[in-house]
C-alpha atoms as a PDB file:
ATOM      1  CA  MET A   1      95.711 -93.593  64.829  1.00  0.00           C
ATOM      2  CA  THR A   2      94.138 -96.967  65.167  1.00  0.00           C
ATOM      3  CA  SER A   3      92.374 -98.069  68.349  1.00  0.00           C
ATOM      4  CA  PRO A   4      94.051-100.510  70.763  1.00  0.00           C
ATOM      5  CA  LYS A   5      91.505-103.166  69.809  1.00  0.00           C
ATOM      6  CA  SER A   6      92.213-103.001  66.051  1.00  0.00           C
ATOM      7  CA  TYR A   7      95.039-105.554  65.765  1.00  0.00           C
ATOM      8  CA  LEU A   8      94.303-109.257  65.284  1.00  0.00           C
ATOM      9  CA  GLU A   9      93.564-111.318  68.368  1.00  0.00           C
ATOM     10  CA  PRO A  10      96.391-113.803  69.109  1.00  0.00           C
ATOM     11  CA  THR A  11      94.295-116.930  68.584  1.00  0.00           C
ATOM     12  CA  GLU A  12      92.578-115.804  65.386  1.00  0.00           C
ATOM     13  CA  ALA A  13      92.977-118.426  62.642  1.00  0.00           C
ATOM     14  CA  ILE A  14      95.596-120.298  64.695  1.00  0.00           C
ATOM     15  CA  THR A  15      95.185-123.871  65.840  1.00  0.00           C
ATOM     16  CA  PRO A  16      96.392-125.074  69.265  1.00  0.00           C
ATOM     17  CA  PHE A  17      98.987-127.268  67.545  1.00  0.00           C
ATOM     18  CA  GLN A  18     100.341-124.249  65.664  1.00  0.00           C
ATOM     19  CA  GLN A  19     100.513-122.308  68.906  1.00  0.00           C
ATOM     20  CA  MET A  20     102.512-125.190  70.437  1.00  0.00           C
ATOM     21  CA  VAL A  21     104.957-125.176  67.496  1.00  0.00           C
ATOM     22  CA  ALA A  22     105.359-121.384  67.751  1.00  0.00           C
ATOM     23  CA  SER A  23     106.001-121.516  71.508  1.00  0.00           C
ATOM     24  CA  CYS A  24     108.401-124.433  71.091  1.00  0.00           C
ATOM     25  CA  SER A  25     110.391-122.466  68.484  1.00  0.00           C
ATOM     26  CA  GLY A  26     110.388-119.436  70.787  1.00  0.00           C
ATOM     27  CA  ALA A  27     111.677-121.477  73.765  1.00  0.00           C
ATOM     28  CA  ILE A  28     114.516-122.927  71.697  1.00  0.00           C
ATOM     29  CA  ILE A  29     115.566-119.556  70.294  1.00  0.00           C
ATOM     30  CA  THR A  30     115.411-117.919  73.730  1.00  0.00           C
ATOM     31  CA  SER A  31     117.477-120.733  75.230  1.00  0.00           C
ATOM     32  CA  LEU A  32     120.102-120.413  72.492  1.00  0.00           C
ATOM     33  CA  PHE A  33     120.442-116.675  73.103  1.00  0.00           C
ATOM     34  CA  VAL A  34     120.302-116.615  76.907  1.00  0.00           C
ATOM     35  CA  THR A  35     122.170-119.820  77.906  1.00  0.00           C
ATOM     36  CA  PRO A  36     125.666-118.404  77.170  1.00  0.00           C
ATOM     37  CA  LEU A  37     124.963-115.496  79.542  1.00  0.00           C
ATOM     38  CA  ASP A  38     124.233-117.830  82.414  1.00  0.00           C
ATOM     39  CA  VAL A  39     127.157-120.131  81.639  1.00  0.00           C
ATOM     40  CA  VAL A  40     129.462-117.128  81.941  1.00  0.00           C
ATOM     41  CA  LYS A  41     127.704-115.935  85.077  1.00  0.00           C
ATOM     42  CA  ILE A  42     128.146-119.369  86.730  1.00  0.00           C
ATOM     43  CA  ARG A  43     131.858-119.403  85.769  1.00  0.00           C
ATOM     44  CA  LEU A  44     132.347-115.981  87.284  1.00  0.00           C
ATOM     45  CA  GLN A  45     130.499-117.080  90.384  1.00  0.00           C
ATOM     46  CA  ALA A  46     132.592-120.282  90.699  1.00  0.00           C
ATOM     47  CA  GLN A  47     135.757-118.143  90.309  1.00  0.00           C
ATOM     48  CA  LYS A  48     134.881-116.024  93.337  1.00  0.00           C
ATOM     49  CA  ASN A  49     133.419-118.841  95.468  1.00  0.00           C
ATOM     50  CA  PRO A  50     134.326-122.342  94.196  1.00  0.00           C
ATOM     51  CA  PHE A  51     131.544-124.840  94.653  1.00  0.00           C
ATOM     52  CA  PRO A  52     132.569-127.690  97.020  1.00  0.00           C
ATOM     53  CA  LYS A  53     131.291-131.234  96.462  1.00  0.00           C
ATOM     54  CA  GLY A  54     127.572-131.501  97.157  1.00  0.00           C
ATOM     55  CA  LYS A  55     127.064-127.765  97.013  1.00  0.00           C
ATOM     56  CA  CYS A  56     123.980-126.625  95.079  1.00  0.00           C
ATOM     57  CA  PHE A  57     123.379-123.592  92.925  1.00  0.00           C
ATOM     58  CA  VAL A  58     120.491-122.531  90.702  1.00  0.00           C
ATOM     59  CA  TYR A  59     121.067-122.189  86.981  1.00  0.00           C
ATOM     60  CA  CYS A  60     118.413-120.072  85.239  1.00  0.00           C
ATOM     61  CA  ASN A  61     118.234-119.099  81.647  1.00  0.00           C
ATOM     62  CA  GLY A  62     115.234-116.840  81.989  1.00  0.00           C
ATOM     63  CA  LEU A  63     112.735-119.558  81.062  1.00  0.00           C
ATOM     64  CA  MET A  64     113.213-122.002  83.917  1.00  0.00           C
ATOM     65  CA  ASP A  65     115.301-122.658  87.022  1.00  0.00           C
ATOM     66  CA  HIS A  66     117.582-125.646  87.097  1.00  0.00           C
ATOM     67  CA  LEU A  67     119.105-126.929  90.351  1.00  0.00           C
ATOM     68  CA  CYS A  68     122.669-128.127  89.844  1.00  0.00           C
ATOM     69  CA  VAL A  69     124.735-130.123  92.321  1.00  0.00           C
ATOM     70  CA  CYS A  70     128.509-129.903  92.170  1.00  0.00           C
ATOM     71  CA  GLU A  71     129.787-133.472  91.810  1.00  0.00           C
ATOM     72  CA  ASN A  72     133.394-132.680  92.740  1.00  0.00           C
ATOM     73  CA  GLY A  73     135.552-129.906  94.058  1.00  0.00           C
ATOM     74  CA  ASN A  74     138.041-130.028  91.190  1.00  0.00           C
ATOM     75  CA  GLY A  75     136.010-127.982  88.737  1.00  0.00           C
ATOM     76  CA  LYS A  76     135.661-130.714  86.114  1.00  0.00           C
ATOM     77  CA  ALA A  77     132.121-129.686  85.104  1.00  0.00           C
ATOM     78  CA  TRP A  78     130.756-127.074  82.713  1.00  0.00           C
ATOM     79  CA  TYR A  79     130.406-124.634  85.598  1.00  0.00           C
ATOM     80  CA  LYS A  80     134.134-124.851  86.513  1.00  0.00           C
ATOM     81  CA  ALA A  81     136.308-121.782  87.012  1.00  0.00           C
ATOM     82  CA  SER A  82     138.662-121.936  84.038  1.00  0.00           C
ATOM     83  CA  GLY A  83     141.492-119.460  84.575  1.00  0.00           C
ATOM     84  CA  HIS A  84     140.937-115.915  85.826  1.00  0.00           C
ATOM     85  CA  PHE A  85     138.292-113.659  84.336  1.00  0.00           C
ATOM     86  CA  SER A  86     138.363-109.927  84.808  1.00  0.00           C
ATOM     87  CA  GLY A  87     134.801-109.486  83.721  1.00  0.00           C
ATOM     88  CA  THR A  88     131.954-110.766  81.555  1.00  0.00           C
ATOM     89  CA  VAL A  89     133.499-109.874  78.173  1.00  0.00           C
ATOM     90  CA  ASP A  90     136.846-111.294  79.228  1.00  0.00           C
ATOM     91  CA  ALA A  91     135.114-114.506  80.303  1.00  0.00           C
ATOM     92  CA  PHE A  92     133.386-114.849  76.929  1.00  0.00           C
ATOM     93  CA  ILE A  93     136.696-114.409  75.060  1.00  0.00           C
ATOM     94  CA  LYS A  94     138.778-116.760  77.270  1.00  0.00           C
ATOM     95  CA  ILE A  95     136.102-119.520  77.345  1.00  0.00           C
ATOM     96  CA  ILE A  96     135.831-119.473  73.554  1.00  0.00           C
ATOM     97  CA  ARG A  97     139.644-119.499  73.084  1.00  0.00           C
ATOM     98  CA  ARG A  98     140.341-122.297  75.599  1.00  0.00           C
ATOM     99  CA  GLU A  99     137.261-124.505  75.239  1.00  0.00           C
ATOM    100  CA  GLY A 100     135.624-123.596  71.968  1.00  0.00           C
ATOM    101  CA  VAL A 101     132.385-121.794  71.115  1.00  0.00           C
ATOM    102  CA  ARG A 102     130.242-124.877  71.945  1.00  0.00           C
ATOM    103  CA  SER A 103     131.139-124.632  75.650  1.00  0.00           C
ATOM    104  CA  LEU A 104     128.986-121.512  75.907  1.00  0.00           C
ATOM    105  CA  TRP A 105     125.968-123.744  75.364  1.00  0.00           C
ATOM    106  CA  SER A 106     127.078-126.521  77.734  1.00  0.00           C
ATOM    107  CA  GLY A 107     124.129-125.767  80.053  1.00  0.00           C
ATOM    108  CA  LEU A 108     121.597-126.120  77.195  1.00  0.00           C
ATOM    109  CA  PRO A 109     120.457-129.800  77.547  1.00  0.00           C
ATOM    110  CA  PRO A 110     118.624-129.449  80.904  1.00  0.00           C
ATOM    111  CA  THR A 111     116.986-126.301  79.567  1.00  0.00           C
ATOM    112  CA  LEU A 112     115.605-128.024  76.483  1.00  0.00           C
ATOM    113  CA  VAL A 113     114.397-131.078  78.409  1.00  0.00           C
ATOM    114  CA  MET A 114     112.423-129.015  80.932  1.00  0.00           C
ATOM    115  CA  ALA A 115     111.777-125.564  79.473  1.00  0.00           C
ATOM    116  CA  VAL A 116     110.477-126.520  76.033  1.00  0.00           C
ATOM    117  CA  PRO A 117     107.518-128.693  77.179  1.00  0.00           C
ATOM    118  CA  ALA A 118     106.739-126.300  80.023  1.00  0.00           C
ATOM    119  CA  THR A 119     106.696-123.322  77.671  1.00  0.00           C
ATOM    120  CA  MET A 120     104.549-125.150  75.129  1.00  0.00           C
ATOM    121  CA  ILE A 121     101.936-125.949  77.800  1.00  0.00           C
ATOM    122  CA  TYR A 122     102.082-122.471  79.316  1.00  0.00           C
ATOM    123  CA  PHE A 123     101.787-120.346  76.159  1.00  0.00           C
ATOM    124  CA  THR A 124      99.185-122.496  74.474  1.00  0.00           C
ATOM    125  CA  CYS A 125      97.018-122.604  77.568  1.00  0.00           C
ATOM    126  CA  TYR A 126      97.336-118.871  77.970  1.00  0.00           C
ATOM    127  CA  ASP A 127      96.199-118.091  74.461  1.00  0.00           C
ATOM    128  CA  GLN A 128      93.260-120.489  74.624  1.00  0.00           C
ATOM    129  CA  LEU A 129      92.159-119.270  78.043  1.00  0.00           C
ATOM    130  CA  CYS A 130      92.561-115.626  77.159  1.00  0.00           C
ATOM    131  CA  ALA A 131      90.421-115.934  74.057  1.00  0.00           C
ATOM    132  CA  ALA A 132      87.692-117.803  75.999  1.00  0.00           C
ATOM    133  CA  LEU A 133      87.754-115.322  78.900  1.00  0.00           C
ATOM    134  CA  LYS A 134      87.502-112.297  76.618  1.00  0.00           C
ATOM    135  CA  VAL A 135      84.274-113.693  75.210  1.00  0.00           C
ATOM    136  CA  ARG A 136      82.812-114.550  78.611  1.00  0.00           C
ATOM    137  CA  MET A 137      83.889-111.388  80.450  1.00  0.00           C
ATOM    138  CA  GLU A 138      82.809-108.935  77.720  1.00  0.00           C
ATOM    139  CA  ASP A 139      82.947-105.532  79.531  1.00  0.00           C
ATOM    140  CA  ARG A 140      85.858-106.620  81.741  1.00  0.00           C
ATOM    141  CA  SER A 141      87.766-108.319  78.930  1.00  0.00           C
ATOM    142  CA  ASP A 142      90.832-106.216  79.781  1.00  0.00           C
ATOM    143  CA  LEU A 143      91.329-108.438  82.837  1.00  0.00           C
ATOM    144  CA  ALA A 144      91.328-111.623  80.776  1.00  0.00           C
ATOM    145  CA  PRO A 145      95.111-111.635  80.214  1.00  0.00           C
ATOM    146  CA  LEU A 146      95.694-111.311  84.003  1.00  0.00           C
ATOM    147  CA  LEU A 147      93.409-114.256  84.878  1.00  0.00           C
ATOM    148  CA  ALA A 148      94.539-116.383  81.885  1.00  0.00           C
ATOM    149  CA  GLY A 149      98.194-115.808  82.731  1.00  0.00           C
ATOM    150  CA  ALA A 150      97.689-116.873  86.364  1.00  0.00           C
ATOM    151  CA  ILE A 151      95.663-119.986  85.484  1.00  0.00           C
ATOM    152  CA  ALA A 152      98.012-121.047  82.711  1.00  0.00           C
ATOM    153  CA  ARG A 153     100.983-120.763  85.090  1.00  0.00           C
ATOM    154  CA  VAL A 154      99.272-122.882  87.735  1.00  0.00           C
ATOM    155  CA  GLY A 155      98.565-125.569  85.090  1.00  0.00           C
ATOM    156  CA  SER A 156     102.049-125.674  83.649  1.00  0.00           C
ATOM    157  CA  ALA A 157     103.729-125.595  87.111  1.00  0.00           C
ATOM    158  CA  THR A 158     101.516-128.485  88.283  1.00  0.00           C
ATOM    159  CA  VAL A 159     102.404-130.610  85.274  1.00  0.00           C
ATOM    160  CA  ILE A 160     106.143-129.859  85.358  1.00  0.00           C
ATOM    161  CA  SER A 161     106.736-129.902  89.136  1.00  0.00           C
ATOM    162  CA  PRO A 162     107.091-133.726  89.456  1.00  0.00           C
ATOM    163  CA  LEU A 163     109.514-133.803  86.520  1.00  0.00           C
ATOM    164  CA  GLU A 164     111.604-131.047  88.138  1.00  0.00           C
ATOM    165  CA  LEU A 165     111.800-132.920  91.450  1.00  0.00           C
ATOM    166  CA  ILE A 166     112.709-136.221  89.730  1.00  0.00           C
ATOM    167  CA  ARG A 167     115.375-134.487  87.621  1.00  0.00           C
ATOM    168  CA  THR A 168     116.860-132.972  90.778  1.00  0.00           C
ATOM    169  CA  LYS A 169     117.051-136.426  92.385  1.00  0.00           C
ATOM    170  CA  LEU A 170     118.685-137.903  89.322  1.00  0.00           C
ATOM    171  CA  GLN A 171     121.358-135.207  89.416  1.00  0.00           C
ATOM    172  CA  SER A 172     122.057-135.328  93.138  1.00  0.00           C
ATOM    173  CA  GLU A 173     121.980-139.121  93.482  1.00  0.00           C
ATOM    174  CA  LYS A 174     123.893-139.728  90.236  1.00  0.00           C
ATOM    175  CA  GLN A 175     121.368-142.146  88.797  1.00  0.00           C
ATOM    176  CA  SER A 176     120.808-142.899  85.136  1.00  0.00           C
ATOM    177  CA  TYR A 177     117.579-142.149  83.272  1.00  0.00           C
ATOM    178  CA  ARG A 178     116.910-145.941  83.179  1.00  0.00           C
ATOM    179  CA  GLN A 179     116.334-145.790  86.876  1.00  0.00           C
ATOM    180  CA  LEU A 180     113.631-143.079  86.488  1.00  0.00           C
ATOM    181  CA  SER A 181     110.697-145.352  87.448  1.00  0.00           C
ATOM    182  CA  ALA A 182     112.582-146.619  90.483  1.00  0.00           C
ATOM    183  CA  VAL A 183     113.190-143.055  91.608  1.00  0.00           C
ATOM    184  CA  ILE A 184     109.479-142.218  91.217  1.00  0.00           C
ATOM    185  CA  TRP A 185     108.217-145.231  93.100  1.00  0.00           C
ATOM    186  CA  SER A 186     110.834-144.838  95.815  1.00  0.00           C
ATOM    187  CA  SER A 187     109.766-141.288  96.470  1.00  0.00           C
ATOM    188  CA  VAL A 188     106.064-142.127  96.381  1.00  0.00           C
ATOM    189  CA  HIS A 189     106.455-145.179  98.641  1.00  0.00           C
ATOM    190  CA  SER A 190     108.471-143.345 101.319  1.00  0.00           C
ATOM    191  CA  GLU A 191     106.797-139.975 101.304  1.00  0.00           C
ATOM    192  CA  GLY A 192     103.504-140.313  99.405  1.00  0.00           C
ATOM    193  CA  TRP A 193     102.228-138.946  96.100  1.00  0.00           C
ATOM    194  CA  GLN A 194     102.392-135.385  97.398  1.00  0.00           C
ATOM    195  CA  SER A 195     106.169-135.673  97.531  1.00  0.00           C
ATOM    196  CA  LEU A 196     106.238-135.310  93.729  1.00  0.00           C
ATOM    197  CA  TRP A 197     104.871-131.784  94.121  1.00  0.00           C
ATOM    198  CA  ARG A 198     107.203-130.623  96.920  1.00  0.00           C
ATOM    199  CA  GLY A 199     108.244-127.066  96.136  1.00  0.00           C
ATOM    200  CA  TRP A 200     105.061-126.499  94.157  1.00  0.00           C
ATOM    201  CA  GLY A 201     103.746-123.919  96.658  1.00  0.00           C
ATOM    202  CA  PRO A 202     106.871-121.685  96.580  1.00  0.00           C
ATOM    203  CA  THR A 203     106.939-121.927  92.810  1.00  0.00           C
ATOM    204  CA  LEU A 204     103.381-120.625  92.547  1.00  0.00           C
ATOM    205  CA  LEU A 205     104.047-117.837  95.043  1.00  0.00           C
ATOM    206  CA  ARG A 206     106.610-116.421  92.578  1.00  0.00           C
ATOM    207  CA  ASP A 207     105.412-117.547  89.164  1.00  0.00           C
ATOM    208  CA  VAL A 208     101.681-116.939  89.340  1.00  0.00           C
ATOM    209  CA  PRO A 209     101.926-113.231  90.317  1.00  0.00           C
ATOM    210  CA  PHE A 210     104.759-112.827  87.778  1.00  0.00           C
ATOM    211  CA  SER A 211     102.639-114.445  85.040  1.00  0.00           C
ATOM    212  CA  ALA A 212      99.524-112.447  85.821  1.00  0.00           C
ATOM    213  CA  MET A 213     101.366-109.121  85.842  1.00  0.00           C
ATOM    214  CA  TYR A 214     103.436-110.019  82.810  1.00  0.00           C
ATOM    215  CA  TRP A 215     100.544-110.858  80.487  1.00  0.00           C
ATOM    216  CA  TYR A 216      98.358-107.978  81.676  1.00  0.00           C
ATOM    217  CA  ASN A 217     101.138-105.402  81.165  1.00  0.00           C
ATOM    218  CA  TYR A 218     102.231-107.051  77.916  1.00  0.00           C
ATOM    219  CA  GLU A 219      98.774-106.923  76.328  1.00  0.00           C
ATOM    220  CA  LYS A 220      98.256-103.349  77.551  1.00  0.00           C
ATOM    221  CA  GLY A 221     101.702-102.256  76.347  1.00  0.00           C
ATOM    222  CA  LYS A 222     101.298-103.992  72.983  1.00  0.00           C
ATOM    223  CA  ALA A 223      97.928-102.290  72.446  1.00  0.00           C
ATOM    224  CA  TRP A 224      99.279 -98.893  73.426  1.00  0.00           C
ATOM    225  CA  LEU A 225     102.359 -99.212  71.200  1.00  0.00           C
ATOM    226  CA  CYS A 226     100.186-100.284  68.279  1.00  0.00           C
ATOM    227  CA  GLU A 227      98.019 -97.206  68.772  1.00  0.00           C
ATOM    228  CA  TYR A 228     101.049 -94.937  69.186  1.00  0.00           C
ATOM    229  CA  TYR A 229     102.735 -96.124  66.000  1.00  0.00           C
ATOM    230  CA  GLY A 230      99.467 -96.453  64.062  1.00  0.00           C
ATOM    231  CA  SER A 231     100.031-100.126  63.428  1.00  0.00           C
ATOM    232  CA  SER A 232      97.119-102.467  62.800  1.00  0.00           C
ATOM    233  CA  ASN A 233      99.308-105.476  63.734  1.00  0.00           C
ATOM    234  CA  PRO A 234     102.101-105.659  66.328  1.00  0.00           C
ATOM    235  CA  ASN A 235     105.481-105.953  64.629  1.00  0.00           C
ATOM    236  CA  PHE A 236     108.743-107.324  66.085  1.00  0.00           C
ATOM    237  CA  THR A 237     109.806-103.985  67.616  1.00  0.00           C
ATOM    238  CA  ILE A 238     106.419-103.594  69.357  1.00  0.00           C
ATOM    239  CA  THR A 239     106.295-107.075  70.807  1.00  0.00           C
ATOM    240  CA  PHE A 240     109.954-107.054  71.816  1.00  0.00           C
ATOM    241  CA  THR A 241     109.616-103.707  73.630  1.00  0.00           C
ATOM    242  CA  ALA A 242     106.324-104.680  75.334  1.00  0.00           C
ATOM    243  CA  GLY A 243     107.802-108.029  76.352  1.00  0.00           C
ATOM    244  CA  ALA A 244     110.930-106.482  77.885  1.00  0.00           C
ATOM    245  CA  LEU A 245     109.020-103.792  79.820  1.00  0.00           C
ATOM    246  CA  SER A 246     106.359-106.134  81.168  1.00  0.00           C
ATOM    247  CA  GLY A 247     108.960-108.750  82.077  1.00  0.00           C
ATOM    248  CA  SER A 248     110.985-106.127  83.951  1.00  0.00           C
ATOM    249  CA  ILE A 249     108.035-104.912  85.952  1.00  0.00           C
ATOM    250  CA  ALA A 250     106.947-108.419  86.920  1.00  0.00           C
ATOM    251  CA  ALA A 251     110.517-109.400  87.828  1.00  0.00           C
ATOM    252  CA  ILE A 252     110.975-106.423  90.160  1.00  0.00           C
ATOM    253  CA  VAL A 253     107.674-106.905  91.949  1.00  0.00           C
ATOM    254  CA  THR A 254     108.138-110.663  92.484  1.00  0.00           C
ATOM    255  CA  LEU A 255     111.817-110.561  93.401  1.00  0.00           C
ATOM    256  CA  PRO A 256     111.284-111.372  97.148  1.00  0.00           C
ATOM    257  CA  PHE A 257     109.454-114.571  96.148  1.00  0.00           C
ATOM    258  CA  ASP A 258     112.256-115.449  93.766  1.00  0.00           C
ATOM    259  CA  VAL A 259     114.854-115.043  96.540  1.00  0.00           C
ATOM    260  CA  VAL A 260     112.863-117.304  98.903  1.00  0.00           C
ATOM    261  CA  LYS A 261     112.264-119.944  96.232  1.00  0.00           C
ATOM    262  CA  THR A 262     115.947-119.986  95.255  1.00  0.00           C
ATOM    263  CA  ARG A 263     117.003-120.421  98.885  1.00  0.00           C
ATOM    264  CA  ARG A 264     114.551-123.296  99.337  1.00  0.00           C
ATOM    265  CA  GLN A 265     115.661-124.963  96.076  1.00  0.00           C
ATOM    266  CA  VAL A 266     119.292-124.888  97.160  1.00  0.00           C
ATOM    267  CA  GLU A 267     118.528-126.180 100.662  1.00  0.00           C
ATOM    268  CA  MET A 268     116.378-129.045  99.379  1.00  0.00           C
ATOM    269  CA  GLY A 269     118.940-129.959  96.756  1.00  0.00           C
ATOM    270  CA  GLU A 270     121.738-130.147  99.290  1.00  0.00           C
ATOM    271  CA  LEU A 271     119.602-132.322 101.575  1.00  0.00           C
ATOM    272  CA  HIS A 272     119.057-134.694  98.633  1.00  0.00           C
ATOM    273  CA  ALA A 273     122.797-134.674  97.927  1.00  0.00           C
ATOM    274  CA  MET A 274     123.483-135.716 101.544  1.00  0.00           C
ATOM    275  CA  ASN A 275     120.702-138.363 101.430  1.00  0.00           C
ATOM    276  CA  LEU A 276     118.706-136.545 104.169  1.00  0.00           C
ATOM    277  CA  SER A 277     114.966-136.192 104.349  1.00  0.00           C
ATOM    278  CA  THR A 278     113.642-132.995 102.825  1.00  0.00           C
ATOM    279  CA  HIS A 279     111.018-132.820 105.566  1.00  0.00           C
ATOM    280  CA  VAL A 280     113.488-130.846 107.660  1.00  0.00           C
ATOM    281  CA  SER A 281     113.519-128.067 105.118  1.00  0.00           C
ATOM    282  CA  SER A 282     111.902-124.849 106.353  1.00  0.00           C
ATOM    283  CA  SER A 283     108.601-123.537 105.092  1.00  0.00           C
ATOM    284  CA  THR A 284     108.458-120.494 102.794  1.00  0.00           C
ATOM    285  CA  TYR A 285     107.442-118.273 105.670  1.00  0.00           C
ATOM    286  CA  ASN A 286     110.310-119.460 107.870  1.00  0.00           C
ATOM    287  CA  VAL A 287     112.826-118.989 105.037  1.00  0.00           C
ATOM    288  CA  MET A 288     111.563-115.458 104.522  1.00  0.00           C
ATOM    289  CA  LYS A 289     111.908-114.686 108.250  1.00  0.00           C
ATOM    290  CA  ARG A 290     115.442-116.105 108.270  1.00  0.00           C
ATOM    291  CA  ILE A 291     116.492-114.047 105.294  1.00  0.00           C
ATOM    292  CA  VAL A 292     115.172-110.858 106.942  1.00  0.00           C
ATOM    293  CA  SER A 293     116.817-111.651 110.254  1.00  0.00           C
ATOM    294  CA  GLU A 294     120.194-112.417 108.623  1.00  0.00           C
ATOM    295  CA  ASN A 295     120.306-109.739 105.904  1.00  0.00           C
ATOM    296  CA  GLY A 296     117.527-107.303 106.731  1.00  0.00           C
ATOM    297  CA  LEU A 297     114.634-106.425 104.493  1.00  0.00           C
ATOM    298  CA  SER A 298     117.042-105.718 101.662  1.00  0.00           C
ATOM    299  CA  GLY A 299     117.954-109.416 101.672  1.00  0.00           C
ATOM    300  CA  LEU A 300     114.607-110.145  99.998  1.00  0.00           C
ATOM    301  CA  PHE A 301     115.718-108.025  97.059  1.00  0.00           C
ATOM    302  CA  ALA A 302     119.130-109.594  96.620  1.00  0.00           C
ATOM    303  CA  GLY A 303     120.195-110.154  93.004  1.00  0.00           C
ATOM    304  CA  PHE A 304     118.017-107.341  91.696  1.00  0.00           C
ATOM    305  CA  MET A 305     120.208-106.385  88.696  1.00  0.00           C
ATOM    306  CA  PRO A 306     121.194-109.933  87.655  1.00  0.00           C
ATOM    307  CA  ARG A 307     117.543-111.023  87.638  1.00  0.00           C
ATOM    308  CA  LEU A 308     116.445-107.915  85.711  1.00  0.00           C
ATOM    309  CA  ILE A 309     119.284-108.192  83.148  1.00  0.00           C
ATOM    310  CA  LYS A 310     118.366-111.857  82.491  1.00  0.00           C
ATOM    311  CA  VAL A 311     114.580-111.812  82.638  1.00  0.00           C
ATOM    312  CA  ALA A 312     113.968-108.701  80.484  1.00  0.00           C
ATOM    313  CA  PRO A 313     115.758-109.962  77.347  1.00  0.00           C
ATOM    314  CA  ALA A 314     114.506-113.507  77.872  1.00  0.00           C
ATOM    315  CA  CYS A 315     110.901-112.312  78.057  1.00  0.00           C
ATOM    316  CA  ALA A 316     111.396-109.999  75.018  1.00  0.00           C
ATOM    317  CA  ILE A 317     113.006-112.701  72.857  1.00  0.00           C
ATOM    318  CA  MET A 318     110.458-115.361  73.857  1.00  0.00           C
ATOM    319  CA  ILE A 319     107.305-113.342  73.241  1.00  0.00           C
ATOM    320  CA  SER A 320     108.569-111.706  70.039  1.00  0.00           C
ATOM    321  CA  THR A 321     109.627-115.007  68.455  1.00  0.00           C
ATOM    322  CA  TYR A 322     106.326-116.526  69.633  1.00  0.00           C
ATOM    323  CA  GLU A 323     104.359-113.731  67.952  1.00  0.00           C
ATOM    324  CA  ILE A 324     106.412-114.094  64.754  1.00  0.00           C
ATOM    325  CA  GLY A 325     105.632-117.844  64.762  1.00  0.00           C
ATOM    326  CA  LYS A 326     101.928-117.187  65.174  1.00  0.00           C
ATOM    327  CA  ALA A 327     101.969-114.525  62.454  1.00  0.00           C
ATOM    328  CA  PHE A 328     103.631-117.053  60.101  1.00  0.00           C
ATOM    329  CA  PHE A 329     100.970-119.670  60.740  1.00  0.00           C
ATOM    330  CA  ARG A 330      98.221-117.024  60.418  1.00  0.00           C
ATOM    331  CA  ARG A 331      99.476-116.084  56.974  1.00  0.00           C
ATOM    332  CA  HIS A 332      99.935-119.744  56.054  1.00  0.00           C
ATOM    333  CA  ASN A 333      96.342-120.548  57.039  1.00  0.00           C
ATOM    334  CA  GLN A 334      94.983-117.547  55.141  1.00  0.00           C
ATOM    335  CA  GLU A 335      96.879-118.457  51.970  1.00  0.00           C
ATOM    336  CA  LYS A 336      95.753-122.034  52.280  1.00  0.00           C
ATOM    337  CA  GLN A 337      92.146-120.910  52.646  1.00  0.00           C
ATOM    338  CA  ILE A 338      92.434-118.688  49.542  1.00  0.00           C
ATOM    339  CA  VAL A 339      93.853-121.577  47.498  1.00  0.00           C
ATOM    340  CA  THR A 340      91.057-123.893  48.712  1.00  0.00           C
ATOM    341  CA  THR A 341      88.382-121.295  47.893  1.00  0.00           C
ATOM    342  CA  HIS A 342      89.668-120.797  44.345  1.00  0.00           C
ATOM    343  CA  THR A 343      89.896-124.531  43.711  1.00  0.00           C
END
């Protein structure tokens, strides 16, 4: 058996640019696999409770949340209820037959626009921070993934938050991308620069604990599985399993924060759609109190299975493809170094 420390460190012989390429590839592959699941879920949801005009709902592919505003009540958008579906498999079959295979990826564009840059920032920052913290913390280096994950999530959320708010406004107010600068200055002029980071707090309440727990458990699980299987390097099976398990644990623990954030996202989006000020939106604490008073404590854990079913495979696919990408660049750099040495 090898020790948990025997496999290569994630940043060894890998440049930040190569980490960004690997994470970008991972985000695209994850989106391609998970997007059809959420398209079907939205169709099933629209079938049971059709979305009226101006109604908001959250579309999430496991990488990022996307707030969508129903533009009409006639179901002429990709989230329409097309026919009657008896279940998930039936929905897949009927959507493909009636609308073609491409319709299963009709929710992909907003994912690629937002999730790819966010994932690149997040994963690259994590690897760089984790490597630096392991050197500085020495005896407590096992805590480096926890701290690096939390800090990396704060950084990526801070960078992406203004883009998310602007994109929501563009959707709800039906403006073109050419009017992007006008939307930014209008928001800043009327509500100040801080308006670009509205919703940043609730995002951190959910995503920072999730990220800290995910990376800590992932690194621990990966090391344990490497030791158990006697592997000096984590293979696809090891990283996929560790990613799924760590993602599941983090998703369960942070579910109440996810419920609160989703409720706030929907409320703020509907206020935008009705051209009302978002200042009337409740705070995170008030939203949590309202959920408990309306649905009891169990209301904070609503959507347990859907979140788990989506997050676990998304985390597994993302981290395993990311590790494969890094392994490819590691081999490429080593081969390049050998060629250079012999010449």
